[in-house]
Amino acid sequence: MLITDKRPLEDFALDHADSRSAINSWIALVENASWRTKQDVKKTFPRAKLLKGNRARFELVHNRYRLIVLIEYIDQYVDVLFIGTHNDYEKLDPSSL
């Protein structure tokens, strides 16, 4: 899968040093994946939560941080929609992303 813009992930990792390893691992797994279905995502990330509209939520660093992406299965790319603390996530409506 192609991650269309890694900048939000890189910027977040700079501001939250404890997330760097988890973000780098997530990036490596996604870039080596070829997801065609939601079940493929679950095979790579069993704890991922699949949301409406081909979006998925991932918990990073023992749920300290949350990441939401849009997955384009046919075109094989992933867009980062949100990365933030668990508290930041609680303040937003994931369906509005």
C-alpha atoms as a PDB file:
ATOM      1  CA  MET A   1       0.000   0.000   0.000  1.00  0.00           C
ATOM      2  CA  LEU A   2       1.129   3.532  -0.670  1.00  0.00           C
ATOM      3  CA  ILE A   3       0.787   6.053   2.153  1.00  0.00           C
ATOM      4  CA  THR A   4      -0.004   9.223   0.227  1.00  0.00           C
ATOM      5  CA  ASP A   5       1.430  11.669   2.772  1.00  0.00           C
ATOM      6  CA  LYS A   6       3.616  10.551   5.675  1.00  0.00           C
ATOM      7  CA  ARG A   7       4.192  14.108   6.895  1.00  0.00           C
ATOM      8  CA  PRO A   8       1.426  14.051   9.543  1.00  0.00           C
ATOM      9  CA  LEU A   9       2.908  10.847  10.954  1.00  0.00           C
ATOM     10  CA  GLU A  10       6.456  12.202  10.896  1.00  0.00           C
ATOM     11  CA  ASP A  11       5.412  15.500  12.499  1.00  0.00           C
ATOM     12  CA  PHE A  12       3.475  13.696  15.198  1.00  0.00           C
ATOM     13  CA  ALA A  13       6.444  11.426  15.939  1.00  0.00           C
ATOM     14  CA  LEU A  14       8.665  14.485  16.362  1.00  0.00           C
ATOM     15  CA  ASP A  15       6.263  15.961  18.907  1.00  0.00           C
ATOM     16  CA  HIS A  16       5.589  12.639  20.680  1.00  0.00           C
ATOM     17  CA  ALA A  17       8.890  10.768  20.894  1.00  0.00           C
ATOM     18  CA  ASP A  18       7.295   7.725  22.528  1.00  0.00           C
ATOM     19  CA  SER A  19       5.215   7.165  19.380  1.00  0.00           C
ATOM     20  CA  ARG A  20       8.141   6.947  16.925  1.00  0.00           C
ATOM     21  CA  SER A  21       8.700   3.221  17.118  1.00  0.00           C
ATOM     22  CA  ALA A  22       4.991   2.411  16.814  1.00  0.00           C
ATOM     23  CA  ILE A  23       4.535   4.808  13.893  1.00  0.00           C
ATOM     24  CA  ASN A  24       7.580   3.454  12.086  1.00  0.00           C
ATOM     25  CA  SER A  25       6.345  -0.118  12.587  1.00  0.00           C
ATOM     26  CA  TRP A  26       2.877   0.829  11.354  1.00  0.00           C
ATOM     27  CA  ILE A  27       4.344   2.479   8.251  1.00  0.00           C
ATOM     28  CA  ALA A  28       6.520  -0.550   7.462  1.00  0.00           C
ATOM     29  CA  LEU A  29       3.615  -2.976   7.812  1.00  0.00           C
ATOM     30  CA  VAL A  30       1.287  -0.859   5.675  1.00  0.00           C
ATOM     31  CA  GLU A  31       3.860  -0.285   2.930  1.00  0.00           C
ATOM     32  CA  ASN A  32       4.448  -4.040   2.699  1.00  0.00           C
ATOM     33  CA  ALA A  33       0.735  -4.849   2.663  1.00  0.00           C
ATOM     34  CA  SER A  34      -1.591  -5.320  -0.282  1.00  0.00           C
ATOM     35  CA  TRP A  35      -5.031  -4.951   1.237  1.00  0.00           C
ATOM     36  CA  ARG A  36      -7.952  -5.861  -0.997  1.00  0.00           C
ATOM     37  CA  THR A  37     -10.594  -6.238   1.719  1.00  0.00           C
ATOM     38  CA  LYS A  38     -11.274  -5.188   5.293  1.00  0.00           C
ATOM     39  CA  GLN A  39     -10.380  -8.704   6.361  1.00  0.00           C
ATOM     40  CA  ASP A  40      -6.879  -8.149   4.962  1.00  0.00           C
ATOM     41  CA  VAL A  41      -6.492  -5.147   7.267  1.00  0.00           C
ATOM     42  CA  LYS A  42      -7.571  -7.285  10.225  1.00  0.00           C
ATOM     43  CA  LYS A  43      -4.996  -9.936   9.300  1.00  0.00           C
ATOM     44  CA  THR A  44      -2.237  -7.325   9.487  1.00  0.00           C
ATOM     45  CA  PHE A  45      -3.706  -5.435  12.472  1.00  0.00           C
ATOM     46  CA  PRO A  46      -6.101  -7.682  14.417  1.00  0.00           C
ATOM     47  CA  ARG A  47      -6.947  -4.890  16.885  1.00  0.00           C
ATOM     48  CA  ALA A  48      -7.801  -2.319  14.207  1.00  0.00           C
ATOM     49  CA  LYS A  49     -11.331  -1.010  14.254  1.00  0.00           C
ATOM     50  CA  LEU A  50     -12.921  -0.825  10.820  1.00  0.00           C
ATOM     51  CA  LEU A  51     -15.138   2.220  10.372  1.00  0.00           C
ATOM     52  CA  LYS A  52     -17.690   3.204   7.761  1.00  0.00           C
ATOM     53  CA  GLY A  53     -16.481   4.562   4.458  1.00  0.00           C
ATOM     54  CA  ASN A  54     -13.345   2.420   4.110  1.00  0.00           C
ATOM     55  CA  ARG A  55     -11.764   4.012   7.147  1.00  0.00           C
ATOM     56  CA  ALA A  56      -9.860   2.267   9.905  1.00  0.00           C
ATOM     57  CA  ARG A  57      -8.729   3.259  13.382  1.00  0.00           C
ATOM     58  CA  PHE A  58      -5.483   2.030  14.879  1.00  0.00           C
ATOM     59  CA  GLU A  59      -4.359   2.271  18.480  1.00  0.00           C
ATOM     60  CA  LEU A  60      -0.714   3.183  18.993  1.00  0.00           C
ATOM     61  CA  VAL A  61       1.439   2.890  22.123  1.00  0.00           C
ATOM     62  CA  HIS A  62      -1.096   0.927  24.184  1.00  0.00           C
ATOM     63  CA  ASN A  63      -3.989   3.157  23.092  1.00  0.00           C
ATOM     64  CA  ARG A  64      -2.226   6.357  24.118  1.00  0.00           C
ATOM     65  CA  TYR A  65      -2.540   7.579  20.522  1.00  0.00           C
ATOM     66  CA  ARG A  66      -5.069   6.987  17.770  1.00  0.00           C
ATOM     67  CA  LEU A  67      -4.650   6.968  14.017  1.00  0.00           C
ATOM     68  CA  ILE A  68      -7.491   7.073  11.497  1.00  0.00           C
ATOM     69  CA  VAL A  69      -6.921   6.419   7.809  1.00  0.00           C
ATOM     70  CA  LEU A  70      -8.913   6.113   4.627  1.00  0.00           C
ATOM     71  CA  ILE A  71      -8.087   2.961   2.682  1.00  0.00           C
ATOM     72  CA  GLU A  72      -8.508   2.851  -1.086  1.00  0.00           C
ATOM     73  CA  TYR A  73      -8.446  -0.893  -1.703  1.00  0.00           C
ATOM     74  CA  ILE A  74      -8.654  -0.775  -5.496  1.00  0.00           C
ATOM     75  CA  ASP A  75      -5.996   1.906  -5.998  1.00  0.00           C
ATOM     76  CA  GLN A  76      -3.866   0.538  -3.135  1.00  0.00           C
ATOM     77  CA  TYR A  77      -3.278   3.673  -1.122  1.00  0.00           C
ATOM     78  CA  VAL A  78      -3.870   4.955   2.399  1.00  0.00           C
ATOM     79  CA  ASP A  79      -4.628   8.563   3.408  1.00  0.00           C
ATOM     80  CA  VAL A  80      -3.957   9.686   6.963  1.00  0.00           C
ATOM     81  CA  LEU A  81      -7.070  11.491   8.222  1.00  0.00           C
ATOM     82  CA  PHE A  82      -6.163  11.919  11.898  1.00  0.00           C
ATOM     83  CA  ILE A  83      -3.384  11.188  14.322  1.00  0.00           C
ATOM     84  CA  GLY A  84      -3.545  12.403  17.883  1.00  0.00           C
ATOM     85  CA  THR A  85      -3.789  11.570  21.525  1.00  0.00           C
ATOM     86  CA  HIS A  86      -6.601   9.449  22.839  1.00  0.00           C
ATOM     87  CA  ASN A  87      -8.029  12.591  24.458  1.00  0.00           C
ATOM     88  CA  ASP A  88      -7.941  14.469  21.122  1.00  0.00           C
ATOM     89  CA  TYR A  89      -9.719  11.535  19.500  1.00  0.00           C
ATOM     90  CA  GLU A  90     -12.451  11.601  22.136  1.00  0.00           C
ATOM     91  CA  LYS A  91     -13.264  15.207  21.157  1.00  0.00           C
ATOM     92  CA  LEU A  92     -13.955  14.458  17.502  1.00  0.00           C
ATOM     93  CA  ASP A  93     -16.536  12.612  15.478  1.00  0.00           C
ATOM     94  CA  PRO A  94     -14.635   9.990  13.451  1.00  0.00           C
ATOM     95  CA  SER A  95     -17.461   9.788  10.924  1.00  0.00           C
ATOM     96  CA  SER A  96     -16.884  13.450  10.026  1.00  0.00           C
ATOM     97  CA  LEU A  97     -13.345  12.817   8.771  1.00  0.00           C
END
